[in-house]
């Protein structure tokens, strides 16, 4: 049997992608650390966090064409 390290998952608040919370692509806002799938999602969040806090853009139909990229 293989032993695997447990991973902690987070949701990118911009596009809704499940990301590994150990990722380097993070941003501290209002005392909370947010995790992102790529630098472009983090950049969009930094410009206007209020658009993405509590829900992600895909749920509201704002960014359905987003394709996550690796950093």
C-alpha atoms as a PDB file:
ATOM      1  CA  UNK A   1       0.000   0.000   0.000  1.00  0.00           C
ATOM      2  CA  UNK A   2       1.187   3.459  -0.825  1.00  0.00           C
ATOM      3  CA  UNK A   3       1.134   6.147   1.794  1.00  0.00           C
ATOM      4  CA  UNK A   4       0.132   9.564   0.582  1.00  0.00           C
ATOM      5  CA  UNK A   5       0.482  12.881   2.306  1.00  0.00           C
ATOM      6  CA  UNK A   6      -2.842  14.400   3.267  1.00  0.00           C
ATOM      7  CA  UNK A   7      -3.690  17.476   1.248  1.00  0.00           C
ATOM      8  CA  UNK A   8      -5.731  20.397   2.332  1.00  0.00           C
ATOM      9  CA  UNK A   9      -7.912  21.861  -0.356  1.00  0.00           C
ATOM     10  CA  UNK A  10      -9.144  25.387  -0.843  1.00  0.00           C
ATOM     11  CA  UNK A  11     -11.408  27.000  -3.411  1.00  0.00           C
ATOM     12  CA  UNK A  12     -10.095  29.776  -5.645  1.00  0.00           C
ATOM     13  CA  UNK A  13     -12.597  32.600  -4.905  1.00  0.00           C
ATOM     14  CA  UNK A  14     -12.300  33.983  -8.441  1.00  0.00           C
ATOM     15  CA  UNK A  15     -12.930  30.929 -10.628  1.00  0.00           C
ATOM     16  CA  UNK A  16     -14.015  28.240  -8.159  1.00  0.00           C
ATOM     17  CA  UNK A  17     -11.225  25.773  -8.962  1.00  0.00           C
ATOM     18  CA  UNK A  18     -10.173  23.454  -6.142  1.00  0.00           C
ATOM     19  CA  UNK A  19      -6.530  24.189  -5.282  1.00  0.00           C
ATOM     20  CA  UNK A  20      -3.989  22.759  -2.877  1.00  0.00           C
ATOM     21  CA  UNK A  21      -3.817  25.174   0.062  1.00  0.00           C
ATOM     22  CA  UNK A  22      -0.057  24.616   0.192  1.00  0.00           C
ATOM     23  CA  UNK A  23       0.233  26.548  -3.085  1.00  0.00           C
ATOM     24  CA  UNK A  24       2.410  29.671  -3.236  1.00  0.00           C
ATOM     25  CA  UNK A  25      -0.311  31.700  -4.945  1.00  0.00           C
ATOM     26  CA  UNK A  26      -1.996  33.335  -1.967  1.00  0.00           C
ATOM     27  CA  UNK A  27      -3.174  36.743  -0.814  1.00  0.00           C
ATOM     28  CA  UNK A  28      -3.864  38.015   2.704  1.00  0.00           C
ATOM     29  CA  UNK A  29      -6.995  40.158   2.881  1.00  0.00           C
ATOM     30  CA  UNK A  30      -8.810  41.309   6.020  1.00  0.00           C
ATOM     31  CA  UNK A  31      -6.931  38.795   8.155  1.00  0.00           C
ATOM     32  CA  UNK A  32      -7.714  35.794   5.957  1.00  0.00           C
ATOM     33  CA  UNK A  33      -5.450  33.968   3.519  1.00  0.00           C
ATOM     34  CA  UNK A  34      -7.024  33.291   0.121  1.00  0.00           C
ATOM     35  CA  UNK A  35      -5.622  30.641  -2.249  1.00  0.00           C
ATOM     36  CA  UNK A  36      -5.616  30.862  -6.050  1.00  0.00           C
ATOM     37  CA  UNK A  37      -5.077  28.546  -9.009  1.00  0.00           C
ATOM     38  CA  UNK A  38      -2.907  31.066 -10.852  1.00  0.00           C
ATOM     39  CA  UNK A  39      -1.425  34.543 -10.698  1.00  0.00           C
ATOM     40  CA  UNK A  40      -4.116  36.048 -12.930  1.00  0.00           C
ATOM     41  CA  UNK A  41      -6.882  34.995 -10.520  1.00  0.00           C
ATOM     42  CA  UNK A  42      -4.920  36.479  -7.625  1.00  0.00           C
ATOM     43  CA  UNK A  43      -4.439  39.725  -9.571  1.00  0.00           C
ATOM     44  CA  UNK A  44      -8.158  40.007 -10.301  1.00  0.00           C
ATOM     45  CA  UNK A  45      -8.965  39.388  -6.635  1.00  0.00           C
ATOM     46  CA  UNK A  46      -6.468  42.018  -5.462  1.00  0.00           C
ATOM     47  CA  UNK A  47      -8.094  44.667  -7.665  1.00  0.00           C
ATOM     48  CA  UNK A  48     -11.542  44.258  -6.118  1.00  0.00           C
ATOM     49  CA  UNK A  49     -11.871  41.578  -3.410  1.00  0.00           C
ATOM     50  CA  UNK A  50     -15.498  42.474  -2.705  1.00  0.00           C
ATOM     51  CA  UNK A  51     -16.507  40.979  -6.068  1.00  0.00           C
ATOM     52  CA  UNK A  52     -15.275  37.546  -5.016  1.00  0.00           C
ATOM     53  CA  UNK A  53     -15.611  37.227  -1.247  1.00  0.00           C
ATOM     54  CA  UNK A  54     -18.364  34.791  -0.265  1.00  0.00           C
ATOM     55  CA  UNK A  55     -18.809  33.391  -3.769  1.00  0.00           C
ATOM     56  CA  UNK A  56     -16.790  32.939  -6.924  1.00  0.00           C
ATOM     57  CA  UNK A  57     -17.304  34.503 -10.332  1.00  0.00           C
ATOM     58  CA  UNK A  58     -18.315  31.256 -12.059  1.00  0.00           C
ATOM     59  CA  UNK A  59     -21.324  30.944  -9.765  1.00  0.00           C
ATOM     60  CA  UNK A  60     -22.477  34.423 -10.747  1.00  0.00           C
ATOM     61  CA  UNK A  61     -21.727  33.885 -14.442  1.00  0.00           C
ATOM     62  CA  UNK A  62     -19.019  36.556 -14.675  1.00  0.00           C
ATOM     63  CA  UNK A  63     -16.113  34.420 -15.849  1.00  0.00           C
ATOM     64  CA  UNK A  64     -17.355  31.194 -17.329  1.00  0.00           C
ATOM     65  CA  UNK A  65     -14.590  31.213 -19.999  1.00  0.00           C
ATOM     66  CA  UNK A  66     -11.746  31.214 -17.470  1.00  0.00           C
ATOM     67  CA  UNK A  67      -9.252  28.424 -17.963  1.00  0.00           C
ATOM     68  CA  UNK A  68      -6.879  28.097 -14.998  1.00  0.00           C
ATOM     69  CA  UNK A  69      -3.196  28.274 -15.812  1.00  0.00           C
ATOM     70  CA  UNK A  70      -0.172  27.190 -13.873  1.00  0.00           C
ATOM     71  CA  UNK A  71       2.067  29.863 -12.422  1.00  0.00           C
END
